[in-house]
């Protein structure tokens, strides 16, 4: 769950926000097709079970993440799919940008036909998307990164460029990581599960007390 949001909203309200973000993101990115398979990787927890996963992810194929840090989990996810599933190109996204459009994901896959890496910078200094071709993948791209800091994108991009790989940088987008991000989101969006949640008087009042 999103720990920085929880510091302002509390665990219950943060969970409600996270669930709304997930539902909006899954609706935005759509379904798998003949060219692209969408797979949900979930982090193990005491509450995770088959019923919970079906309720959260519906009919999407799922797999459990392994590794202690975010970097380890990303490294394992890419490595397993490149080396055991013979995947040609992989793009990873999170739930932080619930309005991420499928068109942008498809565009990023297209860029990987001519570039070795693709990365989408977030306004907080992180990134909302990263992908590469199988032939150039190096798990070191996810190591030694200060996750959650404003240097994630810059540090990652510097590594890729140090390898003299071609990298396509996508347009800047906004993540949702802290309570102030929810204010911006509510001002810019009126449709979807998260917008509906943020517009509820009860949520606004309770959030005001928490902050």
N, C-alpha and C. Protein backbone atom coordinates (compact mmCIF):
# COMPACT_ATOMS: atom_id res chain seq x y z
N UNK A 1 0.85 -1.19 0.00
CA UNK A 1 0.00 0.00 0.00
C UNK A 1 0.89 1.24 0.00
N UNK A 2 0.36 2.39 -0.35
CA UNK A 2 1.14 3.61 -0.52
C UNK A 2 1.40 4.25 0.84
N UNK A 3 2.63 4.11 1.31
CA UNK A 3 2.96 4.52 2.67
C UNK A 3 2.93 6.03 2.86
N UNK A 4 3.33 6.80 1.84
CA UNK A 4 3.33 8.25 2.01
C UNK A 4 1.92 8.80 2.10
N UNK A 5 1.00 8.23 1.34
CA UNK A 5 -0.40 8.65 1.47
C UNK A 5 -0.95 8.27 2.83
N UNK A 6 -0.57 7.10 3.31
CA UNK A 6 -1.10 6.61 4.59
C UNK A 6 -0.71 7.52 5.74
N UNK A 7 0.43 8.21 5.63
CA UNK A 7 0.85 9.12 6.68
C UNK A 7 -0.14 10.27 6.85
N UNK A 8 -0.81 10.64 5.76
CA UNK A 8 -1.80 11.73 5.82
C UNK A 8 -3.22 11.23 5.97
N UNK A 9 -3.54 10.12 5.30
CA UNK A 9 -4.93 9.67 5.23
C UNK A 9 -5.27 8.57 6.21
N UNK A 10 -4.28 7.86 6.70
CA UNK A 10 -4.55 6.66 7.49
C UNK A 10 -4.70 5.46 6.58
N UNK A 11 -4.58 4.27 7.15
CA UNK A 11 -4.56 3.05 6.35
C UNK A 11 -5.87 2.79 5.62
N UNK A 12 -7.00 2.96 6.29
CA UNK A 12 -8.29 2.63 5.67
C UNK A 12 -8.59 3.52 4.47
N UNK A 13 -8.39 4.82 4.62
CA UNK A 13 -8.67 5.73 3.52
C UNK A 13 -7.67 5.55 2.37
N UNK A 14 -6.43 5.25 2.74
CA UNK A 14 -5.42 5.00 1.70
C UNK A 14 -5.76 3.75 0.91
N UNK A 15 -6.25 2.72 1.58
CA UNK A 15 -6.66 1.51 0.88
C UNK A 15 -7.81 1.81 -0.09
N UNK A 16 -8.76 2.63 0.33
CA UNK A 16 -9.86 3.00 -0.55
C UNK A 16 -9.36 3.76 -1.78
N UNK A 17 -8.40 4.65 -1.57
CA UNK A 17 -7.81 5.40 -2.69
C UNK A 17 -7.08 4.44 -3.63
N UNK A 18 -6.30 3.53 -3.06
CA UNK A 18 -5.54 2.59 -3.87
C UNK A 18 -6.46 1.72 -4.72
N UNK A 19 -7.54 1.22 -4.12
CA UNK A 19 -8.48 0.38 -4.86
C UNK A 19 -9.13 1.17 -6.00
N UNK A 20 -9.47 2.43 -5.74
CA UNK A 20 -10.07 3.26 -6.79
C UNK A 20 -9.05 3.53 -7.90
N UNK A 21 -7.80 3.78 -7.54
CA UNK A 21 -6.75 3.99 -8.54
C UNK A 21 -6.57 2.74 -9.40
N UNK A 22 -6.58 1.58 -8.77
CA UNK A 22 -6.40 0.33 -9.51
C UNK A 22 -7.55 0.11 -10.48
N UNK A 23 -8.78 0.33 -10.03
CA UNK A 23 -9.94 0.13 -10.91
C UNK A 23 -9.89 1.08 -12.10
N UNK A 24 -9.50 2.33 -11.85
CA UNK A 24 -9.40 3.30 -12.95
C UNK A 24 -8.28 2.91 -13.92
N UNK A 25 -7.15 2.47 -13.40
CA UNK A 25 -6.04 2.10 -14.26
C UNK A 25 -6.38 0.91 -15.14
N UNK A 26 -6.99 -0.12 -14.56
CA UNK A 26 -7.35 -1.30 -15.35
C UNK A 26 -8.36 -0.94 -16.44
N UNK A 27 -9.27 -0.04 -16.13
CA UNK A 27 -10.23 0.40 -17.14
C UNK A 27 -9.54 1.20 -18.24
N UNK A 28 -8.52 1.97 -17.87
CA UNK A 28 -7.83 2.83 -18.82
C UNK A 28 -6.93 2.04 -19.77
N UNK A 29 -6.26 1.02 -19.27
CA UNK A 29 -5.31 0.29 -20.12
C UNK A 29 -5.99 -0.80 -20.94
N UNK A 30 -7.20 -1.20 -20.57
CA UNK A 30 -7.93 -2.17 -21.38
C UNK A 30 -7.43 -3.59 -21.23
N UNK A 31 -7.71 -4.40 -22.24
CA UNK A 31 -7.45 -5.83 -22.18
C UNK A 31 -6.26 -6.23 -23.04
N UNK A 32 -5.80 -7.46 -22.82
CA UNK A 32 -4.75 -8.03 -23.67
C UNK A 32 -5.27 -8.22 -25.08
N UNK A 33 -4.35 -8.25 -26.03
CA UNK A 33 -4.71 -8.58 -27.41
C UNK A 33 -3.65 -9.49 -28.01
N UNK A 34 -3.70 -9.71 -29.30
CA UNK A 34 -2.78 -10.65 -29.94
C UNK A 34 -1.33 -10.20 -29.84
N UNK A 35 -1.10 -8.90 -29.71
CA UNK A 35 0.27 -8.38 -29.68
C UNK A 35 0.79 -8.15 -28.26
N UNK A 36 -0.10 -7.83 -27.35
CA UNK A 36 0.32 -7.41 -26.01
C UNK A 36 -0.45 -8.17 -24.94
N UNK A 37 0.27 -8.80 -24.04
CA UNK A 37 -0.36 -9.46 -22.89
C UNK A 37 -0.20 -8.57 -21.66
N UNK A 38 -1.30 -8.32 -20.99
CA UNK A 38 -1.27 -7.55 -19.75
C UNK A 38 -1.28 -8.54 -18.59
N UNK A 39 -0.29 -8.45 -17.74
CA UNK A 39 -0.15 -9.34 -16.59
C UNK A 39 -0.02 -8.51 -15.33
N UNK A 40 -0.73 -8.90 -14.28
CA UNK A 40 -0.69 -8.20 -13.01
C UNK A 40 0.25 -8.94 -12.06
N UNK A 41 1.25 -8.23 -11.55
CA UNK A 41 2.14 -8.81 -10.56
C UNK A 41 1.82 -8.21 -9.20
N UNK A 42 1.49 -9.07 -8.24
CA UNK A 42 1.08 -8.59 -6.93
C UNK A 42 2.11 -8.97 -5.88
N UNK A 43 2.23 -8.10 -4.88
CA UNK A 43 3.17 -8.34 -3.79
C UNK A 43 2.52 -9.24 -2.75
N UNK A 44 3.23 -10.25 -2.26
CA UNK A 44 2.63 -11.16 -1.28
C UNK A 44 2.33 -10.44 0.04
N UNK A 45 1.21 -10.82 0.65
CA UNK A 45 0.84 -10.28 1.95
C UNK A 45 -0.03 -11.31 2.67
N UNK A 46 -0.24 -11.10 3.95
CA UNK A 46 -1.03 -12.05 4.75
C UNK A 46 -2.48 -12.10 4.27
N UNK A 47 -2.97 -11.00 3.71
CA UNK A 47 -4.37 -10.93 3.31
C UNK A 47 -4.62 -11.41 1.89
N UNK A 48 -3.56 -11.68 1.14
CA UNK A 48 -3.72 -12.07 -0.25
C UNK A 48 -4.20 -13.51 -0.35
N UNK A 49 -5.32 -13.71 -1.06
CA UNK A 49 -5.83 -15.05 -1.32
C UNK A 49 -6.55 -15.03 -2.67
N UNK A 50 -7.00 -16.18 -3.11
CA UNK A 50 -7.62 -16.27 -4.42
C UNK A 50 -8.82 -15.37 -4.58
N UNK A 51 -9.68 -15.30 -3.58
CA UNK A 51 -10.87 -14.46 -3.67
C UNK A 51 -10.51 -12.99 -3.77
N UNK A 52 -9.53 -12.55 -2.96
CA UNK A 52 -9.11 -11.16 -2.99
C UNK A 52 -8.50 -10.80 -4.34
N UNK A 53 -7.69 -11.70 -4.89
CA UNK A 53 -7.04 -11.43 -6.18
C UNK A 53 -8.07 -11.35 -7.30
N UNK A 54 -9.06 -12.23 -7.28
CA UNK A 54 -10.10 -12.19 -8.31
C UNK A 54 -10.91 -10.91 -8.21
N UNK A 55 -11.20 -10.48 -7.00
CA UNK A 55 -11.97 -9.25 -6.82
C UNK A 55 -11.17 -8.04 -7.29
N UNK A 56 -9.87 -8.05 -7.04
CA UNK A 56 -9.03 -6.90 -7.39
C UNK A 56 -8.68 -6.86 -8.87
N UNK A 57 -8.38 -8.03 -9.45
CA UNK A 57 -7.79 -8.06 -10.79
C UNK A 57 -8.67 -8.72 -11.85
N UNK A 58 -9.80 -9.25 -11.46
CA UNK A 58 -10.72 -9.84 -12.43
C UNK A 58 -10.08 -10.98 -13.20
N UNK A 59 -10.20 -10.93 -14.53
CA UNK A 59 -9.71 -12.03 -15.37
C UNK A 59 -8.28 -11.84 -15.85
N UNK A 60 -7.61 -10.79 -15.41
CA UNK A 60 -6.23 -10.59 -15.84
C UNK A 60 -5.34 -11.71 -15.30
N UNK A 61 -4.38 -12.19 -16.08
CA UNK A 61 -3.42 -13.16 -15.54
C UNK A 61 -2.58 -12.50 -14.45
N UNK A 62 -2.26 -13.25 -13.41
CA UNK A 62 -1.53 -12.69 -12.28
C UNK A 62 -0.33 -13.56 -11.94
N UNK A 63 0.64 -12.96 -11.25
CA UNK A 63 1.80 -13.68 -10.74
C UNK A 63 2.27 -12.96 -9.49
N UNK A 64 2.86 -13.71 -8.56
CA UNK A 64 3.34 -13.12 -7.31
C UNK A 64 4.75 -12.57 -7.50
N UNK A 65 4.98 -11.38 -6.98
CA UNK A 65 6.30 -10.79 -7.03
C UNK A 65 7.21 -11.45 -6.00
N UNK A 66 8.51 -11.46 -6.31
CA UNK A 66 9.51 -11.96 -5.37
C UNK A 66 10.62 -10.92 -5.23
N UNK A 67 11.21 -10.88 -4.05
CA UNK A 67 12.27 -9.92 -3.78
C UNK A 67 11.89 -8.97 -2.66
N UNK A 68 12.90 -8.49 -1.94
CA UNK A 68 12.65 -7.64 -0.78
C UNK A 68 12.37 -6.19 -1.17
N UNK A 69 13.17 -5.64 -2.07
CA UNK A 69 13.02 -4.24 -2.45
C UNK A 69 12.28 -4.13 -3.77
N UNK A 70 11.86 -2.90 -4.11
CA UNK A 70 11.21 -2.68 -5.39
C UNK A 70 12.16 -3.02 -6.53
N UNK A 71 13.43 -2.65 -6.38
CA UNK A 71 14.41 -2.97 -7.39
C UNK A 71 14.55 -4.47 -7.61
N UNK A 72 14.58 -5.22 -6.52
CA UNK A 72 14.68 -6.69 -6.63
C UNK A 72 13.46 -7.27 -7.32
N UNK A 73 12.27 -6.75 -6.98
CA UNK A 73 11.04 -7.29 -7.56
C UNK A 73 10.97 -6.98 -9.06
N UNK A 74 11.38 -5.78 -9.44
CA UNK A 74 11.40 -5.44 -10.86
C UNK A 74 12.42 -6.30 -11.61
N UNK A 75 13.59 -6.46 -11.02
CA UNK A 75 14.63 -7.28 -11.65
C UNK A 75 14.15 -8.70 -11.90
N UNK A 76 13.52 -9.30 -10.89
CA UNK A 76 13.05 -10.67 -11.02
C UNK A 76 11.93 -10.76 -12.06
N UNK A 77 11.03 -9.78 -12.05
CA UNK A 77 9.91 -9.80 -12.99
C UNK A 77 10.39 -9.74 -14.43
N UNK A 78 11.30 -8.84 -14.72
CA UNK A 78 11.85 -8.74 -16.07
C UNK A 78 12.64 -9.99 -16.43
N UNK A 79 13.51 -10.42 -15.53
CA UNK A 79 14.37 -11.57 -15.81
C UNK A 79 13.56 -12.82 -16.11
N UNK A 80 12.57 -13.10 -15.29
CA UNK A 80 11.76 -14.31 -15.48
C UNK A 80 11.06 -14.30 -16.83
N UNK A 81 10.52 -13.16 -17.21
CA UNK A 81 9.76 -13.12 -18.47
C UNK A 81 10.66 -13.10 -19.70
N UNK A 82 11.82 -12.50 -19.60
CA UNK A 82 12.74 -12.54 -20.72
C UNK A 82 13.37 -13.92 -20.90
N UNK A 83 13.80 -14.52 -19.79
CA UNK A 83 14.61 -15.73 -19.90
C UNK A 83 13.79 -17.01 -19.86
N UNK A 84 12.63 -17.00 -19.23
CA UNK A 84 11.83 -18.22 -19.13
C UNK A 84 10.59 -18.21 -20.02
N UNK A 85 10.10 -17.02 -20.35
CA UNK A 85 8.91 -16.92 -21.19
C UNK A 85 9.22 -16.46 -22.61
N UNK A 86 10.50 -16.20 -22.87
CA UNK A 86 10.94 -15.76 -24.20
C UNK A 86 10.20 -14.52 -24.68
N UNK A 87 9.89 -13.63 -23.75
CA UNK A 87 9.24 -12.36 -24.09
C UNK A 87 10.22 -11.47 -24.85
N UNK A 88 9.74 -10.79 -25.86
CA UNK A 88 10.61 -9.95 -26.68
C UNK A 88 10.77 -8.54 -26.12
N UNK A 89 9.68 -7.97 -25.62
CA UNK A 89 9.70 -6.61 -25.08
C UNK A 89 8.82 -6.57 -23.83
N UNK A 90 9.26 -5.82 -22.83
CA UNK A 90 8.49 -5.68 -21.59
C UNK A 90 8.39 -4.21 -21.23
N UNK A 91 7.21 -3.82 -20.80
CA UNK A 91 6.99 -2.50 -20.21
C UNK A 91 6.33 -2.70 -18.85
N UNK A 92 6.88 -2.04 -17.84
CA UNK A 92 6.33 -2.11 -16.49
C UNK A 92 5.72 -0.77 -16.13
N UNK A 93 4.53 -0.83 -15.54
CA UNK A 93 3.87 0.37 -15.02
C UNK A 93 3.40 0.07 -13.60
N UNK A 94 3.09 1.12 -12.86
CA UNK A 94 2.53 0.96 -11.53
C UNK A 94 1.10 1.45 -11.50
N UNK A 95 0.59 1.65 -10.30
CA UNK A 95 -0.79 2.11 -10.12
C UNK A 95 -0.82 3.61 -9.86
N UNK A 96 0.36 4.24 -9.80
CA UNK A 96 0.44 5.64 -9.38
C UNK A 96 -0.20 6.62 -10.35
N UNK A 97 -0.40 6.21 -11.60
CA UNK A 97 -1.01 7.09 -12.61
C UNK A 97 -2.28 6.41 -13.12
N UNK A 98 -3.41 6.59 -12.43
CA UNK A 98 -4.62 5.82 -12.77
C UNK A 98 -5.25 6.20 -14.10
N UNK A 99 -4.84 7.29 -14.71
CA UNK A 99 -5.39 7.70 -16.01
C UNK A 99 -4.41 7.40 -17.16
N UNK A 100 -3.41 6.60 -16.91
CA UNK A 100 -2.44 6.26 -17.95
C UNK A 100 -3.16 5.62 -19.13
N UNK A 101 -3.08 6.21 -20.33
CA UNK A 101 -3.86 5.70 -21.44
C UNK A 101 -3.19 4.52 -22.15
N UNK A 102 -4.00 3.62 -22.67
CA UNK A 102 -3.47 2.48 -23.42
C UNK A 102 -2.71 2.95 -24.65
N UNK A 103 -3.14 4.04 -25.27
CA UNK A 103 -2.45 4.54 -26.45
C UNK A 103 -0.98 4.84 -26.16
N UNK A 104 -0.70 5.36 -24.97
CA UNK A 104 0.68 5.68 -24.62
C UNK A 104 1.50 4.41 -24.41
N UNK A 105 0.87 3.39 -23.84
CA UNK A 105 1.56 2.11 -23.67
C UNK A 105 1.88 1.50 -25.03
N UNK A 106 0.90 1.50 -25.92
CA UNK A 106 1.13 0.96 -27.27
C UNK A 106 2.21 1.76 -28.00
N UNK A 107 2.21 3.07 -27.82
CA UNK A 107 3.23 3.92 -28.43
C UNK A 107 4.61 3.55 -27.89
N UNK A 108 4.70 3.30 -26.58
CA UNK A 108 5.98 2.93 -25.98
C UNK A 108 6.49 1.61 -26.54
N UNK A 109 5.60 0.64 -26.72
CA UNK A 109 6.02 -0.62 -27.34
C UNK A 109 6.52 -0.38 -28.76
N UNK A 110 5.86 0.51 -29.48
CA UNK A 110 6.31 0.82 -30.82
C UNK A 110 7.69 1.45 -30.85
N UNK A 111 7.97 2.30 -29.86
CA UNK A 111 9.29 2.93 -29.78
C UNK A 111 10.40 1.89 -29.56
N UNK A 112 10.06 0.79 -28.91
CA UNK A 112 11.06 -0.25 -28.66
C UNK A 112 11.45 -1.00 -29.94
N UNK A 113 10.78 -0.74 -31.04
CA UNK A 113 11.22 -1.30 -32.32
C UNK A 113 12.49 -0.62 -32.81
N UNK A 114 12.68 0.64 -32.40
CA UNK A 114 13.86 1.38 -32.86
C UNK A 114 14.77 1.82 -31.71
N UNK A 115 14.28 1.79 -30.49
CA UNK A 115 15.09 2.14 -29.31
C UNK A 115 15.21 0.92 -28.41
N UNK A 116 16.25 0.92 -27.59
CA UNK A 116 16.47 -0.23 -26.71
C UNK A 116 15.72 -0.11 -25.39
N UNK A 117 15.52 1.12 -24.94
CA UNK A 117 14.80 1.37 -23.70
C UNK A 117 13.76 2.47 -23.91
N UNK A 118 12.75 2.47 -23.08
CA UNK A 118 11.78 3.55 -23.05
C UNK A 118 11.46 3.84 -21.59
N UNK A 119 11.31 5.12 -21.26
CA UNK A 119 11.05 5.49 -19.87
C UNK A 119 10.17 6.73 -19.85
N UNK A 120 9.21 6.76 -18.92
CA UNK A 120 8.30 7.89 -18.79
C UNK A 120 8.51 8.61 -17.48
N UNK A 121 9.02 9.83 -17.50
CA UNK A 121 9.30 10.56 -16.25
C UNK A 121 8.04 11.06 -15.57
N UNK A 122 8.05 11.00 -14.25
CA UNK A 122 6.96 11.56 -13.44
C UNK A 122 7.40 12.88 -12.84
N UNK A 123 6.46 13.74 -12.53
CA UNK A 123 6.76 15.09 -12.06
C UNK A 123 7.45 15.11 -10.70
N UNK A 124 7.38 14.00 -9.96
CA UNK A 124 8.03 13.96 -8.65
C UNK A 124 9.47 13.46 -8.72
N UNK A 125 9.98 13.22 -9.94
CA UNK A 125 11.34 12.75 -10.09
C UNK A 125 11.47 11.25 -10.26
N UNK A 126 10.36 10.54 -10.19
CA UNK A 126 10.36 9.11 -10.46
C UNK A 126 10.02 8.83 -11.90
N UNK A 127 9.51 7.64 -12.17
CA UNK A 127 9.00 7.35 -13.51
C UNK A 127 7.75 6.50 -13.39
N UNK A 128 6.85 6.68 -14.38
CA UNK A 128 5.60 5.94 -14.37
C UNK A 128 5.62 4.73 -15.28
N UNK A 129 6.68 4.61 -16.08
CA UNK A 129 6.78 3.50 -17.02
C UNK A 129 8.24 3.28 -17.36
N UNK A 130 8.64 2.01 -17.50
CA UNK A 130 9.97 1.68 -18.00
C UNK A 130 9.87 0.38 -18.78
N UNK A 131 10.60 0.31 -19.86
CA UNK A 131 10.57 -0.91 -20.67
C UNK A 131 11.83 -1.05 -21.49
N UNK A 132 12.05 -2.26 -22.00
CA UNK A 132 13.23 -2.51 -22.82
C UNK A 132 13.02 -3.76 -23.67
N UNK A 133 13.96 -3.97 -24.57
CA UNK A 133 14.00 -5.18 -25.38
C UNK A 133 14.81 -6.24 -24.66
N UNK A 134 14.52 -7.49 -24.95
CA UNK A 134 15.17 -8.59 -24.25
C UNK A 134 16.68 -8.57 -24.42
N UNK A 135 17.17 -8.24 -25.59
CA UNK A 135 18.61 -8.35 -25.88
C UNK A 135 19.47 -7.42 -25.05
N UNK A 136 18.89 -6.33 -24.51
CA UNK A 136 19.70 -5.35 -23.79
C UNK A 136 19.44 -5.34 -22.29
N UNK A 137 18.51 -6.16 -21.81
CA UNK A 137 18.14 -6.06 -20.40
C UNK A 137 19.33 -6.35 -19.49
N UNK A 138 19.50 -5.48 -18.50
CA UNK A 138 20.51 -5.64 -17.46
C UNK A 138 19.84 -5.31 -16.13
N UNK A 139 19.80 -6.27 -15.23
CA UNK A 139 19.10 -6.07 -13.96
C UNK A 139 19.71 -4.95 -13.13
N UNK A 140 20.93 -4.53 -13.46
CA UNK A 140 21.56 -3.45 -12.71
C UNK A 140 20.80 -2.14 -12.86
N UNK A 141 19.94 -2.04 -13.87
CA UNK A 141 19.17 -0.81 -14.05
C UNK A 141 18.28 -0.52 -12.85
N UNK A 142 17.94 -1.56 -12.08
CA UNK A 142 17.06 -1.40 -10.93
C UNK A 142 17.81 -1.43 -9.60
N UNK A 143 19.13 -1.52 -9.64
CA UNK A 143 19.91 -1.62 -8.41
C UNK A 143 20.56 -0.28 -8.06
N UNK A 144 20.74 -0.06 -6.76
CA UNK A 144 21.37 1.16 -6.29
C UNK A 144 20.53 2.41 -6.49
N UNK A 145 19.23 2.23 -6.64
CA UNK A 145 18.30 3.36 -6.84
C UNK A 145 17.66 3.72 -5.50
N UNK A 146 17.61 5.00 -5.20
CA UNK A 146 16.96 5.46 -3.97
C UNK A 146 15.46 5.60 -4.25
N UNK A 147 14.75 4.47 -4.13
CA UNK A 147 13.34 4.44 -4.49
C UNK A 147 12.54 5.40 -3.61
N UNK A 148 11.60 6.10 -4.24
CA UNK A 148 10.78 7.06 -3.52
C UNK A 148 11.39 8.44 -3.46
N UNK A 149 12.60 8.61 -4.00
CA UNK A 149 13.25 9.90 -3.97
C UNK A 149 13.02 10.65 -5.29
N UNK A 150 13.46 11.89 -5.35
CA UNK A 150 13.31 12.70 -6.56
C UNK A 150 14.39 12.41 -7.60
N UNK A 151 15.29 11.45 -7.30
CA UNK A 151 16.40 11.16 -8.22
C UNK A 151 16.21 9.86 -8.99
N UNK A 152 15.07 9.21 -8.85
CA UNK A 152 14.88 7.88 -9.45
C UNK A 152 15.00 7.94 -10.98
N UNK A 153 14.28 8.86 -11.59
CA UNK A 153 14.33 8.96 -13.05
C UNK A 153 15.72 9.33 -13.53
N UNK A 154 16.32 10.36 -12.93
CA UNK A 154 17.64 10.82 -13.37
C UNK A 154 18.69 9.74 -13.21
N UNK A 155 18.66 9.02 -12.08
CA UNK A 155 19.65 7.96 -11.84
C UNK A 155 19.49 6.82 -12.84
N UNK A 156 18.24 6.45 -13.12
CA UNK A 156 17.98 5.37 -14.06
C UNK A 156 18.39 5.75 -15.47
N UNK A 157 18.03 6.96 -15.88
CA UNK A 157 18.38 7.43 -17.21
C UNK A 157 19.90 7.51 -17.38
N UNK A 158 20.61 7.94 -16.34
CA UNK A 158 22.07 8.02 -16.41
C UNK A 158 22.69 6.64 -16.61
N UNK A 159 22.15 5.63 -15.95
CA UNK A 159 22.66 4.27 -16.13
C UNK A 159 22.50 3.82 -17.58
N UNK A 160 21.32 4.02 -18.13
CA UNK A 160 21.06 3.57 -19.50
C UNK A 160 21.97 4.28 -20.48
N UNK A 161 22.17 5.57 -20.28
CA UNK A 161 23.03 6.33 -21.18
C UNK A 161 24.50 5.95 -21.01
N UNK A 162 24.90 5.60 -19.78
CA UNK A 162 26.27 5.13 -19.56
C UNK A 162 26.56 3.87 -20.36
N UNK A 163 25.51 3.06 -20.56
CA UNK A 163 25.68 1.84 -21.36
C UNK A 163 25.67 2.14 -22.86
N UNK A 164 25.48 3.40 -23.20
CA UNK A 164 25.39 3.85 -24.59
C UNK A 164 24.25 3.16 -25.34
N UNK A 165 23.15 2.96 -24.61
CA UNK A 165 21.94 2.41 -25.21
C UNK A 165 21.03 3.55 -25.66
N UNK A 166 20.27 3.29 -26.71
CA UNK A 166 19.29 4.27 -27.19
C UNK A 166 18.06 4.21 -26.27
N UNK A 167 17.63 5.36 -25.78
CA UNK A 167 16.49 5.41 -24.87
C UNK A 167 15.51 6.48 -25.35
N UNK A 168 14.24 6.13 -25.38
CA UNK A 168 13.17 7.07 -25.73
C UNK A 168 12.53 7.57 -24.43
N UNK A 169 12.45 8.89 -24.28
CA UNK A 169 11.85 9.50 -23.09
C UNK A 169 10.44 9.98 -23.44
N UNK A 170 9.47 9.49 -22.71
CA UNK A 170 8.06 9.80 -22.96
C UNK A 170 7.68 11.13 -22.30
N UNK A 171 6.49 11.64 -22.58
CA UNK A 171 6.05 12.91 -21.96
C UNK A 171 5.96 12.80 -20.44
N UNK A 172 6.20 13.91 -19.79
CA UNK A 172 6.09 14.00 -18.34
C UNK A 172 4.64 13.82 -17.91
N UNK A 173 4.42 13.04 -16.85
CA UNK A 173 3.08 12.84 -16.31
C UNK A 173 3.14 12.94 -14.79
N UNK A 174 1.95 13.02 -14.17
CA UNK A 174 1.86 13.17 -12.72
C UNK A 174 1.50 11.85 -12.06
N UNK A 175 2.23 11.51 -11.01
CA UNK A 175 1.91 10.37 -10.16
C UNK A 175 1.04 10.82 -8.98
N UNK A 176 0.47 9.84 -8.30
CA UNK A 176 -0.21 10.11 -7.03
C UNK A 176 0.58 9.40 -5.94
N UNK A 177 1.28 10.18 -5.13
CA UNK A 177 2.10 9.63 -4.06
C UNK A 177 1.79 10.23 -2.70
N UNK A 178 1.38 11.50 -2.68
CA UNK A 178 1.10 12.18 -1.41
C UNK A 178 -0.26 12.85 -1.51
N UNK A 179 -0.76 13.34 -0.37
CA UNK A 179 -2.11 13.90 -0.30
C UNK A 179 -2.29 15.09 -1.25
N UNK A 180 -1.25 15.89 -1.45
CA UNK A 180 -1.36 17.04 -2.35
C UNK A 180 -1.63 16.59 -3.79
N UNK A 181 -1.14 15.42 -4.15
CA UNK A 181 -1.41 14.90 -5.49
C UNK A 181 -2.89 14.62 -5.70
N UNK A 182 -3.57 14.24 -4.62
CA UNK A 182 -5.00 13.99 -4.72
C UNK A 182 -5.77 15.29 -4.97
N UNK A 183 -5.29 16.40 -4.38
CA UNK A 183 -5.93 17.70 -4.63
C UNK A 183 -5.84 18.05 -6.11
N UNK A 184 -4.66 17.88 -6.69
CA UNK A 184 -4.48 18.16 -8.12
C UNK A 184 -5.35 17.26 -8.96
N UNK A 185 -5.38 15.97 -8.61
CA UNK A 185 -6.18 15.01 -9.38
C UNK A 185 -7.66 15.38 -9.33
N UNK A 186 -8.15 15.71 -8.16
CA UNK A 186 -9.57 16.06 -8.01
C UNK A 186 -9.92 17.30 -8.82
N UNK A 187 -8.97 18.25 -8.93
CA UNK A 187 -9.23 19.47 -9.68
C UNK A 187 -9.24 19.22 -11.19
N UNK A 188 -8.52 18.17 -11.63
CA UNK A 188 -8.36 17.93 -13.07
C UNK A 188 -9.28 16.84 -13.60
N UNK A 189 -9.88 16.02 -12.72
CA UNK A 189 -10.66 14.87 -13.17
C UNK A 189 -12.01 14.82 -12.47
N UNK A 190 -13.04 14.55 -13.25
CA UNK A 190 -14.39 14.44 -12.69
C UNK A 190 -15.01 13.07 -12.94
N UNK A 191 -14.33 12.21 -13.69
CA UNK A 191 -14.87 10.89 -14.01
C UNK A 191 -13.96 9.80 -13.45
N UNK A 192 -14.57 8.65 -13.19
CA UNK A 192 -13.82 7.51 -12.71
C UNK A 192 -14.03 7.26 -11.23
N UNK A 193 -13.53 6.12 -10.77
CA UNK A 193 -13.74 5.71 -9.37
C UNK A 193 -13.03 6.63 -8.40
N UNK A 194 -11.79 7.02 -8.71
CA UNK A 194 -11.05 7.88 -7.78
C UNK A 194 -11.69 9.26 -7.69
N UNK A 195 -12.09 9.84 -8.81
CA UNK A 195 -12.74 11.15 -8.78
C UNK A 195 -14.02 11.10 -7.96
N UNK A 196 -14.77 10.01 -8.11
CA UNK A 196 -16.01 9.87 -7.33
C UNK A 196 -15.71 9.77 -5.85
N UNK A 197 -14.67 9.01 -5.50
CA UNK A 197 -14.31 8.87 -4.10
C UNK A 197 -13.89 10.21 -3.50
N UNK A 198 -13.06 10.94 -4.23
CA UNK A 198 -12.55 12.21 -3.71
C UNK A 198 -13.65 13.26 -3.61
N UNK A 199 -14.72 13.11 -4.35
CA UNK A 199 -15.80 14.09 -4.31
C UNK A 199 -16.77 13.86 -3.15
N UNK A 200 -16.65 12.72 -2.49
CA UNK A 200 -17.55 12.42 -1.38
C UNK A 200 -17.26 13.32 -0.19
N UNK A 201 -18.30 13.92 0.37
CA UNK A 201 -18.14 14.82 1.51
C UNK A 201 -17.50 14.09 2.69
N UNK A 202 -17.90 12.84 2.92
CA UNK A 202 -17.37 12.11 4.06
C UNK A 202 -15.88 11.90 3.92
N UNK A 203 -15.42 11.62 2.72
CA UNK A 203 -13.99 11.42 2.50
C UNK A 203 -13.25 12.73 2.73
N UNK A 204 -13.78 13.84 2.22
CA UNK A 204 -13.13 15.15 2.37
C UNK A 204 -13.02 15.54 3.82
N UNK A 205 -14.13 15.36 4.59
CA UNK A 205 -14.11 15.74 6.00
C UNK A 205 -13.11 14.90 6.78
N UNK A 206 -13.11 13.58 6.54
CA UNK A 206 -12.22 12.69 7.29
C UNK A 206 -10.77 12.95 6.94
N UNK A 207 -10.54 13.26 5.66
CA UNK A 207 -9.19 13.56 5.25
C UNK A 207 -8.71 14.86 5.90
N UNK A 208 -9.58 15.84 6.03
CA UNK A 208 -9.20 17.08 6.65
C UNK A 208 -8.77 16.87 8.10
N UNK A 209 -9.45 15.99 8.82
CA UNK A 209 -9.08 15.68 10.20
C UNK A 209 -7.73 15.02 10.25
N UNK A 210 -7.49 14.08 9.29
CA UNK A 210 -6.22 13.34 9.30
C UNK A 210 -5.04 14.25 9.04
N UNK A 211 -5.21 15.25 8.20
CA UNK A 211 -4.12 16.14 7.88
C UNK A 211 -3.93 17.21 8.95
